[in-house]
């Protein structure tokens, strides 16, 4: 299935505003892929499809799990905010014909992130939250970091703000996000330390 056909088919899954978001994510992902070095074509496809399961109701989650043999953890079972990325990877595979594991994993982890993401996973995680339609305090500085190639720093800051946002909402915080945040914060610290030693 080509990208145009995917976008057309997506109209059966998402309202127009969410499709617009997905296309904005694709634009951001193409830009960020120049910094991360990931495949632009894969970044575009992952972006278009990343929210395919966004509007699956909690009551319908189990039917998708039964249909595609999806195993969710306890946190994902209670929250469509968490489960939609997992379900989305399976929908991309079985309903849109995507069999590239790298693309499927980028969809799978676009909500929580994870430690040591691949360049494509990092690209989609960032693009989802800094695309041009997003408007929240600090988004401009995050865009500046990402588009100038400071990917690890952008991820560390974005994971911090995402976690704070989840806590403010009293929503379920997945441990994978905490692990991802700790990984990227440590990575940035090590890079800063190495740079500091080089300057001496």
Foldseek 3Di string as FASTA:
>chain_A
DDPVVLLVVLVVQDPPVVQVLLQLLLVQLLLLCVQLVDDSRLLNLLSNQLQSQVPPDLVCLVVLCVVQVDDDDPQLNVDSLQVRLLSSLVCCCPVVPDDDVLSSVLSNQLRQHAAPRRSSVLSSVLSSAQGPVHDDPPSVVLSVCSSVNVSLVSLLVVLVVSVVVCVVVVGDHDVRSVNRNVNSVVVVVVVVVVVVVVVD
